[in-house]
């Protein structure tokens, strides 16, 4: 069924964004995932985020690896560039594509098996190098395509559908992302679209390596009592660091309100945004505080969600390598291979 496309006909009254697209234009093919899978909610959030950001679909390159999560790019942004890599190798392919063409927006979609097991090394290097991308892990704690074995992110002490208790310590991808130098780190729950959409919008507009770990329950193998990645468990143990929204870069809008106070701010499109100050002590620009805050609440059995860390002055791999402002894929042979004299000069500078 993955080849079955949705009808191209749109109702004439569907709202269009600034670049002339309806929300339907950001959809993909019909999903073949289990009904109720959290991954489909993430796909819907990506569609909503791209539509609200007025992103032209052909400006997005979506890449994935292997697993239920890595099937999802087929279900959104059907008019975008896409590449389904082998198991765990999505980050290196994305890095190469990014270096060749810096003008595209890169969206990497992976899973806990794809990124926390076979692809853990590639996950680490893509983040530490500062590749500009939105890296989303759809984390359900199991291998859904191979009948529900524990993945590397399954919490110690959690139970499988058959009652087996996991004795291994989990790989915490958020903690790793913070340690490795990612400049935008967030955790979300697939069942909370109001939180997930602005987090994805922020990641797509971020100037460096952005990582979002999305707890996404597997309804077939990991949505039962004893699972720490079920719908019920996450809803009961969710601790949001803040209420967030995403505002595109236009003329500055300011508001003055104290801790615990609420204020209404008129946006550029005329709508009103109601803001309330929460968690006065939490600073999302403090990397070390973000790590300790997450660990403190994890010790209480709470799943911390929201924007955990952001570096507003982030740079990317192109800045570190001082690459050409023009995309490499647009250069001719003479520009890419300037000759022996240029090579000798480069080698001399490295001595």
Protein backbone atom coordinates (compact mmCIF):
# COMPACT_ATOMS: atom_id res chain seq x y z
CA UNK A 1 0.00 0.00 0.00
CA UNK A 2 2.96 2.38 0.25
CA UNK A 3 2.55 3.06 -3.45
CA UNK A 4 -1.05 4.26 -3.02
CA UNK A 5 -1.10 8.04 -3.30
CA UNK A 6 -3.77 10.27 -1.84
CA UNK A 7 -6.13 12.03 -4.27
CA UNK A 8 -4.63 15.17 -5.79
CA UNK A 9 -7.96 16.99 -5.87
CA UNK A 10 -8.29 19.71 -3.22
CA UNK A 11 -11.40 21.46 -2.07
CA UNK A 12 -11.28 25.04 -3.42
CA UNK A 13 -11.89 26.53 0.04
CA UNK A 14 -8.77 25.01 1.63
CA UNK A 15 -6.62 27.70 3.21
CA UNK A 16 -3.28 28.46 1.52
CA UNK A 17 -0.09 29.69 3.14
CA UNK A 18 2.12 32.56 1.97
CA UNK A 19 3.73 30.49 -0.79
CA UNK A 20 0.40 29.27 -2.16
CA UNK A 21 0.23 25.74 -0.74
CA UNK A 22 -2.56 24.08 1.21
CA UNK A 23 -1.82 21.74 4.07
CA UNK A 24 -2.71 18.83 1.76
CA UNK A 25 0.24 19.77 -0.47
CA UNK A 26 2.59 18.77 2.36
CA UNK A 27 1.14 15.28 2.77
CA UNK A 28 2.56 12.06 1.33
CA UNK A 29 1.21 8.63 0.55
CA UNK A 30 -1.20 6.58 2.63
CA UNK A 31 0.38 5.33 5.86
CA UNK A 32 0.70 1.57 6.36
CA UNK A 33 1.63 1.84 10.05
CA UNK A 34 -0.63 0.40 12.74
CA UNK A 35 -3.72 2.47 13.50
CA UNK A 36 -2.91 4.69 16.47
CA UNK A 37 0.88 4.59 15.96
CA UNK A 38 2.54 7.64 17.44
CA UNK A 39 4.72 7.93 14.33
CA UNK A 40 1.71 9.04 12.28
CA UNK A 41 1.14 11.86 14.79
CA UNK A 42 4.73 12.98 14.24
CA UNK A 43 4.19 12.97 10.47
CA UNK A 44 1.11 15.14 10.96
CA UNK A 45 3.13 17.54 13.13
CA UNK A 46 5.86 17.80 10.46
CA UNK A 47 3.22 18.55 7.83
CA UNK A 48 1.68 21.24 10.02
CA UNK A 49 5.06 22.79 10.87
CA UNK A 50 6.21 23.02 7.26
CA UNK A 51 2.89 24.47 6.14
CA UNK A 52 2.91 27.11 8.88
CA UNK A 53 6.54 28.03 8.10
CA UNK A 54 5.63 28.60 4.42
CA UNK A 55 8.37 26.19 3.33
CA UNK A 56 8.27 25.21 -0.33
CA UNK A 57 8.27 21.38 -0.33
CA UNK A 58 11.01 21.13 -2.98
CA UNK A 59 13.39 22.96 -0.61
CA UNK A 60 13.34 20.07 1.87
CA UNK A 61 15.55 16.98 1.77
CA UNK A 62 14.21 14.22 4.02
CA UNK A 63 16.45 11.26 4.87
CA UNK A 64 15.90 8.14 6.96
CA UNK A 65 17.38 4.76 7.80
CA UNK A 66 15.56 1.49 8.52
CA UNK A 67 12.60 0.75 10.81
CA UNK A 68 8.99 1.80 11.33
CA UNK A 69 10.16 5.35 11.92
CA UNK A 70 12.19 5.41 8.73
CA UNK A 71 9.13 4.47 6.69
CA UNK A 72 7.35 7.66 7.72
CA UNK A 73 9.03 10.10 5.28
CA UNK A 74 6.92 8.44 2.60
CA UNK A 75 3.85 9.74 4.43
CA UNK A 76 4.71 13.47 4.44
CA UNK A 77 6.19 16.03 2.03
CA UNK A 78 5.54 13.92 -1.05
CA UNK A 79 7.00 16.64 -3.30
CA UNK A 80 10.30 16.87 -1.40
CA UNK A 81 13.67 15.27 -2.06
CA UNK A 82 14.01 11.96 -0.25
CA UNK A 83 16.58 9.24 0.44
CA UNK A 84 16.05 6.06 2.44
CA UNK A 85 19.50 4.85 3.53
CA UNK A 86 20.62 1.54 5.03
CA UNK A 87 20.28 0.77 8.73
CA UNK A 88 21.93 3.42 10.92
CA UNK A 89 23.62 5.28 8.07
CA UNK A 90 21.24 8.21 7.64
CA UNK A 91 23.47 10.81 9.42
CA UNK A 92 26.48 10.29 7.12
CA UNK A 93 24.37 10.44 3.97
CA UNK A 94 22.68 13.59 5.27
CA UNK A 95 26.08 15.11 6.07
CA UNK A 96 27.32 14.47 2.53
CA UNK A 97 24.17 15.88 0.98
CA UNK A 98 24.35 18.95 3.22
CA UNK A 99 27.97 19.64 2.23
CA UNK A 100 27.10 19.30 -1.46
CA UNK A 101 24.03 21.53 -1.36
CA UNK A 102 23.69 23.91 1.57
CA UNK A 103 20.57 25.57 0.12
CA UNK A 104 18.20 22.76 1.10
CA UNK A 105 16.57 22.25 4.50
CA UNK A 106 17.63 18.87 5.89
CA UNK A 107 15.24 16.72 7.89
CA UNK A 108 16.59 13.45 9.27
CA UNK A 109 14.05 10.94 10.57
CA UNK A 110 15.23 7.95 12.56
CA UNK A 111 14.20 5.56 15.32
CA UNK A 112 15.61 4.31 18.60
CA UNK A 113 16.92 1.16 16.94
CA UNK A 114 18.28 3.04 13.94
CA UNK A 115 20.05 5.77 15.97
CA UNK A 116 20.72 4.25 19.42
CA UNK A 117 22.05 0.86 18.30
CA UNK A 118 23.63 0.28 14.90
CA UNK A 119 23.69 4.00 14.10
CA UNK A 120 24.91 5.31 17.47
CA UNK A 121 28.34 6.26 16.15
CA UNK A 122 26.88 8.10 13.17
CA UNK A 123 24.38 9.87 15.43
CA UNK A 124 27.24 11.07 17.64
CA UNK A 125 29.46 12.40 14.86
CA UNK A 126 26.69 14.23 13.01
CA UNK A 127 25.78 16.13 16.17
CA UNK A 128 29.30 16.89 17.33
CA UNK A 129 30.21 18.23 13.88
CA UNK A 130 27.29 20.63 13.93
CA UNK A 131 25.60 19.52 10.72
CA UNK A 132 22.71 21.88 10.11
CA UNK A 133 19.63 19.68 10.23
CA UNK A 134 16.49 18.82 12.11
CA UNK A 135 17.18 15.31 13.46
CA UNK A 136 14.02 13.64 14.78
CA UNK A 137 14.10 10.28 16.55
CA UNK A 138 10.73 8.55 16.82
CA UNK A 139 11.41 6.70 20.06
CA UNK A 140 9.16 3.80 21.09
CA UNK A 141 11.65 1.62 22.96
CA UNK A 142 11.09 -1.49 20.84
CA UNK A 143 11.90 -3.03 17.48
CA UNK A 144 8.42 -2.86 16.02
CA UNK A 145 9.30 -4.45 12.67
CA UNK A 146 10.75 -7.56 14.35
CA UNK A 147 7.99 -8.20 16.89
CA UNK A 148 8.78 -6.00 19.87
CA UNK A 149 12.23 -6.80 21.28
CA UNK A 150 13.63 -4.14 23.62
CA UNK A 151 15.63 -1.42 21.88
CA UNK A 152 18.63 0.38 23.39
CA UNK A 153 16.39 3.20 24.70
CA UNK A 154 14.08 0.92 26.70
CA UNK A 155 14.16 1.91 30.38
CA UNK A 156 15.71 -0.50 32.85
CA UNK A 157 12.92 -2.33 34.69
CA UNK A 158 10.28 -1.76 32.02
CA UNK A 159 8.28 -4.76 30.87
CA UNK A 160 7.68 -6.12 27.40
CA UNK A 161 4.24 -7.12 26.14
CA UNK A 162 5.05 -10.73 27.15
CA UNK A 163 6.11 -9.68 30.66
CA UNK A 164 9.89 -9.84 30.19
CA UNK A 165 11.73 -7.27 32.34
CA UNK A 166 14.49 -5.22 30.70
CA UNK A 167 17.73 -5.51 32.73
CA UNK A 168 19.88 -3.22 30.54
CA UNK A 169 20.56 0.47 31.19
CA UNK A 170 19.01 2.70 28.53
CA UNK A 171 20.83 4.91 26.03
CA UNK A 172 19.64 8.45 26.69
CA UNK A 173 19.77 10.20 23.32
CA UNK A 174 18.87 13.59 24.80
CA UNK A 175 21.72 13.35 27.30
CA UNK A 176 24.10 12.33 24.52
CA UNK A 177 22.96 15.19 22.30
CA UNK A 178 23.66 17.68 25.09
CA UNK A 179 27.10 16.22 25.77
CA UNK A 180 28.04 16.04 22.09
CA UNK A 181 27.38 19.72 21.46
CA UNK A 182 24.03 19.83 19.69
CA UNK A 183 22.84 23.43 19.77
CA UNK A 184 19.08 22.71 19.84
CA UNK A 185 17.91 19.83 22.02
CA UNK A 186 14.29 18.97 22.81
CA UNK A 187 12.12 16.09 23.89
CA UNK A 188 8.46 15.76 23.02
CA UNK A 189 5.53 13.34 23.15
CA UNK A 190 3.81 12.35 19.93
CA UNK A 191 0.45 12.71 21.67
CA UNK A 192 1.03 16.42 22.35
CA UNK A 193 0.74 18.19 18.99
CA UNK A 194 0.51 21.65 20.57
CA UNK A 195 4.03 21.19 21.94
CA UNK A 196 5.53 19.16 19.09
CA UNK A 197 4.67 21.48 16.18
CA UNK A 198 6.53 24.56 17.50
CA UNK A 199 9.49 22.39 18.50
CA UNK A 200 9.77 21.10 14.92
CA UNK A 201 9.38 24.64 13.57
CA UNK A 202 12.21 25.81 15.80
CA UNK A 203 14.42 22.89 14.72
CA UNK A 204 13.85 23.59 11.02
CA UNK A 205 14.77 27.25 11.47
CA UNK A 206 17.75 26.62 13.77
CA UNK A 207 21.21 27.49 12.46
CA UNK A 208 23.01 24.36 13.64
CA UNK A 209 22.48 20.76 14.73
CA UNK A 210 18.93 20.42 16.09
CA UNK A 211 17.80 17.19 17.77
CA UNK A 212 14.30 16.21 18.94
CA UNK A 213 13.66 12.95 20.78
CA UNK A 214 9.94 12.16 20.43
CA UNK A 215 8.47 9.49 22.70
CA UNK A 216 6.17 7.70 20.25
CA UNK A 217 4.22 4.73 21.67
CA UNK A 218 4.14 1.51 19.66
CA UNK A 219 0.49 0.43 19.92
CA UNK A 220 1.30 -3.13 18.83
CA UNK A 221 4.17 -4.00 21.19
CA UNK A 222 4.79 -1.24 23.76
CA UNK A 223 1.51 0.30 24.92
CA UNK A 224 0.72 -1.86 27.93
CA UNK A 225 1.05 -1.63 31.75
CA UNK A 226 4.72 -1.89 32.67
CA UNK A 227 5.93 -0.01 29.61
CA UNK A 228 7.53 3.40 30.22
CA UNK A 229 6.83 4.49 26.64
CA UNK A 230 3.11 3.91 26.52
CA UNK A 231 0.48 6.62 26.05
CA UNK A 232 -0.76 6.31 29.64
CA UNK A 233 2.69 6.31 31.22
CA UNK A 234 3.97 9.38 29.39
CA UNK A 235 0.78 11.36 30.02
CA UNK A 236 0.94 10.53 33.73
CA UNK A 237 4.66 11.29 34.10
CA UNK A 238 5.14 14.19 31.71
CA UNK A 239 6.95 17.27 33.07
CA UNK A 240 7.00 20.13 30.55
CA UNK A 241 9.74 22.71 31.10
CA UNK A 242 7.67 25.50 29.50
CA UNK A 243 4.83 26.43 27.23
CA UNK A 244 6.36 27.38 23.92
CA UNK A 245 5.49 28.87 20.57
CA UNK A 246 7.51 29.70 17.48
CA UNK A 247 7.51 33.14 15.88
CA UNK A 248 9.16 33.72 12.51
CA UNK A 249 11.71 36.48 12.15
CA UNK A 250 9.93 39.77 11.49
CA UNK A 251 9.84 43.11 13.29
CA UNK A 252 10.42 42.53 16.99
CA UNK A 253 7.40 42.11 19.24
CA UNK A 254 8.02 42.80 22.91
CA UNK A 255 6.01 42.05 26.04
CA UNK A 256 6.62 42.79 29.70
CA UNK A 257 5.17 40.44 32.29
CA UNK A 258 6.41 38.93 35.53
CA UNK A 259 6.62 35.34 36.82
CA UNK A 260 3.20 33.71 36.96
CA UNK A 261 1.55 36.56 35.05
CA UNK A 262 -0.27 36.25 31.73
CA UNK A 263 -0.30 38.73 28.85
CA UNK A 264 -1.87 38.86 25.39
CA UNK A 265 0.46 39.80 22.53
CA UNK A 266 -0.81 40.63 19.04
CA UNK A 267 1.09 38.77 16.31
CA UNK A 268 2.04 39.94 12.81
CA UNK A 269 -0.91 38.06 11.32
CA UNK A 270 -3.34 39.82 13.67
CA UNK A 271 -3.92 36.88 16.00
CA UNK A 272 -3.46 37.10 19.75
CA UNK A 273 -0.89 35.00 21.56
CA UNK A 274 -1.52 34.51 25.27
CA UNK A 275 1.73 34.08 27.18
CA UNK A 276 2.24 32.92 30.74
CA UNK A 277 5.57 32.80 32.52
CA UNK A 278 6.31 29.35 33.96
CA UNK A 279 9.35 27.68 35.54
CA UNK A 280 11.09 30.91 36.47
CA UNK A 281 14.39 29.18 37.31
CA UNK A 282 14.73 27.19 34.08
CA UNK A 283 17.17 28.62 31.52
CA UNK A 284 17.16 26.80 28.13
CA UNK A 285 20.48 28.45 27.17
CA UNK A 286 22.37 26.74 30.01
CA UNK A 287 23.62 23.38 28.69
CA UNK A 288 24.85 22.08 32.06
CA UNK A 289 21.65 23.07 33.84
CA UNK A 290 19.61 21.34 31.13
CA UNK A 291 21.49 18.08 31.74
CA UNK A 292 21.10 18.21 35.52
CA UNK A 293 17.44 19.27 35.29
CA UNK A 294 16.64 16.34 33.04
CA UNK A 295 18.47 13.89 35.31
CA UNK A 296 16.80 15.26 38.46
CA UNK A 297 13.33 14.68 37.03
CA UNK A 298 14.30 11.36 35.50
CA UNK A 299 15.21 10.17 39.00
CA UNK A 300 11.63 11.02 40.05
CA UNK A 301 10.22 8.92 37.20
CA UNK A 302 9.25 11.98 35.14
CA UNK A 303 9.66 12.43 31.38
CA UNK A 304 10.86 16.00 30.79
CA UNK A 305 9.54 17.50 27.55
CA UNK A 306 9.95 20.83 25.82
CA UNK A 307 12.90 22.86 24.58
CA UNK A 308 15.66 21.73 26.92
CA UNK A 309 18.57 23.63 25.38
CA UNK A 310 19.19 26.12 22.59
CA UNK A 311 22.24 28.12 21.55
CA UNK A 312 20.92 31.29 19.86
CA UNK A 313 24.35 31.92 18.28
CA UNK A 314 24.79 28.44 16.81
CA UNK A 315 26.97 27.85 13.75
CA UNK A 316 27.14 24.83 11.49
CA UNK A 317 29.64 22.55 9.75
CA UNK A 318 29.97 24.88 6.76
CA UNK A 319 31.24 27.65 9.03
CA UNK A 320 33.72 25.29 10.68
CA UNK A 321 35.07 24.06 7.33
CA UNK A 322 34.91 27.49 5.67
CA UNK A 323 33.20 25.98 2.65
CA UNK A 324 32.16 27.88 -0.44
CA UNK A 325 29.01 29.97 -0.18
CA UNK A 326 27.93 28.46 -3.50
CA UNK A 327 26.63 24.87 -3.32
CA UNK A 328 29.17 22.31 -4.53
CA UNK A 329 26.60 20.61 -6.74
CA UNK A 330 26.31 23.81 -8.77
CA UNK A 331 30.02 24.12 -9.58
CA UNK A 332 31.71 22.93 -12.76
CA UNK A 333 34.81 20.74 -13.02
CA UNK A 334 37.20 23.69 -13.16
CA UNK A 335 35.83 25.12 -9.91
CA UNK A 336 35.86 21.77 -8.11
CA UNK A 337 39.35 20.83 -9.39
CA UNK A 338 41.32 24.10 -9.67
CA UNK A 339 44.58 22.36 -10.57
CA UNK A 340 48.02 21.45 -9.23
CA UNK A 341 49.04 24.99 -8.25
CA UNK A 342 46.01 25.40 -5.99
CA UNK A 343 46.61 21.97 -4.45
CA UNK A 344 50.28 22.78 -3.78
CA UNK A 345 49.27 26.04 -2.10
CA UNK A 346 46.73 24.22 0.08
CA UNK A 347 49.24 21.54 1.08
CA UNK A 348 51.84 24.18 1.92
CA UNK A 349 49.38 25.92 4.25
CA UNK A 350 48.96 22.71 6.22
CA UNK A 351 52.66 22.15 6.87
